[in-house]
C-alpha atoms as a PDB file:
ATOM      1  CA  MET A   1     -13.368   0.561 -14.954  1.00  0.00           C
ATOM      2  CA  VAL A   2     -15.009  -1.292 -12.072  1.00  0.00           C
ATOM      3  CA  GLU A   3     -17.415  -2.950 -14.521  1.00  0.00           C
ATOM      4  CA  GLU A   4     -14.478  -4.206 -16.593  1.00  0.00           C
ATOM      5  CA  LYS A   5     -12.743  -5.589 -13.507  1.00  0.00           C
ATOM      6  CA  ASN A   6     -15.985  -7.255 -12.438  1.00  0.00           C
ATOM      7  CA  LYS A   7     -16.192  -8.915 -15.883  1.00  0.00           C
ATOM      8  CA  VAL A   8     -12.639 -10.250 -15.520  1.00  0.00           C
ATOM      9  CA  VAL A   9     -13.323 -11.495 -11.964  1.00  0.00           C
ATOM     10  CA  LYS A  10     -16.472 -13.306 -13.130  1.00  0.00           C
ATOM     11  CA  LEU A  11     -14.444 -15.119 -15.799  1.00  0.00           C
ATOM     12  CA  ALA A  12     -11.818 -16.010 -13.185  1.00  0.00           C
ATOM     13  CA  ARG A  13     -14.516 -17.490 -10.944  1.00  0.00           C
ATOM     14  CA  ARG A  14     -16.023 -19.500 -13.822  1.00  0.00           C
ATOM     15  CA  THR A  15     -12.670 -20.825 -15.043  1.00  0.00           C
ATOM     16  CA  SER A  16      -9.500 -19.972 -13.138  1.00  0.00           C
ATOM     17  CA  ASN A  17      -7.395 -16.960 -12.295  1.00  0.00           C
ATOM     18  CA  SER A  18      -4.685 -18.178 -14.667  1.00  0.00           C
ATOM     19  CA  HIS A  19      -7.101 -18.498 -17.570  1.00  0.00           C
ATOM     20  CA  ALA A  20      -8.681 -15.077 -16.980  1.00  0.00           C
ATOM     21  CA  ALA A  21      -5.255 -13.432 -16.621  1.00  0.00           C
ATOM     22  CA  TRP A  22      -4.103 -15.058 -19.859  1.00  0.00           C
ATOM     23  CA  HIS A  23      -7.345 -14.190 -21.698  1.00  0.00           C
ATOM     24  CA  TYR A  24      -7.177 -10.493 -20.778  1.00  0.00           C
ATOM     25  CA  SER A  25      -3.342 -10.257 -20.812  1.00  0.00           C
ATOM     26  CA  LEU A  26      -3.215  -9.293 -17.135  1.00  0.00           C
ATOM     27  CA  ASP A  27      -0.747  -9.924 -14.352  1.00  0.00           C
ATOM     28  CA  LEU A  28      -1.869 -12.975 -12.367  1.00  0.00           C
ATOM     29  CA  THR A  29      -1.007 -11.396  -9.006  1.00  0.00           C
ATOM     30  CA  MET A  30      -3.022  -8.274  -9.786  1.00  0.00           C
ATOM     31  CA  LEU A  31      -6.003 -10.397 -10.839  1.00  0.00           C
ATOM     32  CA  GLY A  32      -5.711 -12.316  -7.562  1.00  0.00           C
ATOM     33  CA  HIS A  33      -6.056  -9.034  -5.662  1.00  0.00           C
ATOM     34  CA  TRP A  34      -9.141  -8.111  -7.700  1.00  0.00           C
ATOM     35  CA  VAL A  35     -10.767 -11.489  -7.038  1.00  0.00           C
ATOM     36  CA  LYS A  36     -10.021 -11.169  -3.326  1.00  0.00           C
ATOM     37  CA  LYS A  37     -11.496  -7.644  -3.129  1.00  0.00           C
ATOM     38  CA  PHE A  38     -14.619  -8.607  -5.077  1.00  0.00           C
ATOM     39  CA  SER A  39     -15.069 -11.711  -2.910  1.00  0.00           C
ATOM     40  CA  GLN A  40     -15.154  -9.803   0.377  1.00  0.00           C
ATOM     41  CA  THR A  41     -18.586  -9.604   1.942  1.00  0.00           C
ATOM     42  CA  PRO A  42     -19.786  -6.021   2.176  1.00  0.00           C
ATOM     43  CA  SER A  43     -19.516  -4.786   5.740  1.00  0.00           C
ATOM     44  CA  SER A  44     -18.677  -1.423   7.182  1.00  0.00           C
ATOM     45  CA  SER A  45     -14.921  -2.023   6.973  1.00  0.00           C
ATOM     46  CA  SER A  46     -14.669  -3.950   3.703  1.00  0.00           C
ATOM     47  CA  GLN A  47     -17.272  -1.850   1.853  1.00  0.00           C
ATOM     48  CA  LYS A  48     -14.662   0.903   1.635  1.00  0.00           C
ATOM     49  CA  ASN A  49     -12.218  -1.507  -0.061  1.00  0.00           C
ATOM     50  CA  ILE A  50     -14.777  -2.624  -2.636  1.00  0.00           C
ATOM     51  CA  GLN A  51     -15.621   0.957  -3.554  1.00  0.00           C
ATOM     52  CA  SER A  52     -11.948   1.786  -3.952  1.00  0.00           C
ATOM     53  CA  ILE A  53     -11.447  -0.706  -6.797  1.00  0.00           C
ATOM     54  CA  GLY A  54     -10.761   1.306  -9.916  1.00  0.00           C
ATOM     55  CA  SER A  55      -9.682   4.371  -8.027  1.00  0.00           C
ATOM     56  CA  GLY A  56      -6.100   5.441  -7.787  1.00  0.00           C
ATOM     57  CA  HIS A  57      -3.573   7.478  -9.695  1.00  0.00           C
ATOM     58  CA  HIS A  58      -5.099   9.693 -12.344  1.00  0.00           C
ATOM     59  CA  ALA A  59      -2.838  10.751 -15.177  1.00  0.00           C
ATOM     60  CA  LEU A  60      -1.307  14.191 -14.745  1.00  0.00           C
ATOM     61  CA  PHE A  61      -0.124  14.184 -18.347  1.00  0.00           C
ATOM     62  CA  PRO A  62      -2.447  11.753 -20.171  1.00  0.00           C
ATOM     63  CA  GLU A  63      -1.135  12.394 -23.699  1.00  0.00           C
ATOM     64  CA  GLU A  64       2.484  12.139 -22.609  1.00  0.00           C
ATOM     65  CA  GLU A  65       1.812   9.003 -20.537  1.00  0.00           C
ATOM     66  CA  SER A  66       0.132   7.457 -23.566  1.00  0.00           C
ATOM     67  CA  GLN A  67       3.235   8.210 -25.649  1.00  0.00           C
ATOM     68  CA  LEU A  68       5.404   6.651 -22.938  1.00  0.00           C
ATOM     69  CA  PHE A  69       3.219   3.546 -22.850  1.00  0.00           C
ATOM     70  CA  GLU A  70       3.468   3.164 -26.641  1.00  0.00           C
ATOM     71  CA  TRP A  71       7.254   3.547 -26.425  1.00  0.00           C
ATOM     72  CA  ILE A  72       7.477   0.856 -23.705  1.00  0.00           C
ATOM     73  CA  ILE A  73       5.376  -1.566 -25.778  1.00  0.00           C
ATOM     74  CA  ASP A  74       7.517  -0.884 -28.845  1.00  0.00           C
ATOM     75  CA  VAL A  75      10.766  -1.444 -26.942  1.00  0.00           C
ATOM     76  CA  CYS A  76       9.481  -4.699 -25.422  1.00  0.00           C
ATOM     77  CA  GLN A  77       8.250  -5.986 -28.786  1.00  0.00           C
ATOM     78  CA  ASN A  78      11.717  -5.381 -30.195  1.00  0.00           C
ATOM     79  CA  GLY A  79      13.148  -7.625 -27.487  1.00  0.00           C
ATOM     80  CA  PHE A  80      14.843  -4.996 -25.356  1.00  0.00           C
ATOM     81  CA  ALA A  81      14.574  -4.624 -21.597  1.00  0.00           C
ATOM     82  CA  VAL A  82      12.866  -1.576 -20.133  1.00  0.00           C
ATOM     83  CA  THR A  83      14.363  -0.283 -16.902  1.00  0.00           C
ATOM     84  CA  TYR A  84      13.147   2.307 -14.449  1.00  0.00           C
ATOM     85  CA  SER A  85      15.986   4.600 -15.540  1.00  0.00           C
ATOM     86  CA  ASN A  86      14.987   4.242 -19.214  1.00  0.00           C
ATOM     87  CA  ILE A  87      11.397   5.109 -18.370  1.00  0.00           C
ATOM     88  CA  LYS A  88      12.402   8.185 -16.364  1.00  0.00           C
ATOM     89  CA  PHE A  89      14.696   9.403 -19.151  1.00  0.00           C
ATOM     90  CA  LYS A  90      12.123   8.807 -21.891  1.00  0.00           C
ATOM     91  CA  MET A  91       9.329  10.530 -19.920  1.00  0.00           C
ATOM     92  CA  ALA A  92      11.576  13.550 -19.316  1.00  0.00           C
ATOM     93  CA  GLU A  93      12.295  13.656 -23.056  1.00  0.00           C
ATOM     94  CA  ILE A  94       8.580  13.414 -23.928  1.00  0.00           C
ATOM     95  CA  LEU A  95       7.667  16.143 -21.437  1.00  0.00           C
ATOM     96  CA  ASP A  96      10.457  18.368 -22.731  1.00  0.00           C
ATOM     97  CA  ASN A  97       9.241  17.963 -26.320  1.00  0.00           C
ATOM     98  CA  SER A  98       5.656  18.570 -25.245  1.00  0.00           C
ATOM     99  CA  THR A  99       6.615  21.742 -23.382  1.00  0.00           C
ATOM    100  CA  LYS A 100       8.570  23.064 -26.370  1.00  0.00           C
ATOM    101  CA  LYS A 101       5.634  22.294 -28.670  1.00  0.00           C
ATOM    102  CA  ASN A 102       3.181  24.118 -26.384  1.00  0.00           C
ATOM    103  CA  GLN A 103       5.405  27.199 -26.159  1.00  0.00           C
ATOM    104  CA  ARG A 104       5.252  27.799 -29.904  1.00  0.00           C
END
């Protein structure tokens, strides 16, 4: 994951943040944070930040989260808005179906 982010940051440095964000279909603000973290000079305090790129939340339910992601993409492509409440409801539905399937 860090290697992929480094690749995106290198493109942003060669061209622009906007171009790299567009090319990789990323949020411009998020890319700005990546560029800033990769640009920090390694020192005792900032070395920790550089190593933390790519770390974070690990999926508790990877298959179910993948299904949720596909549902969100489908809803957006059909021109509908996705709200936090919709996401919570859909994830509960997916988890319920998954639990029922595993109990059989």
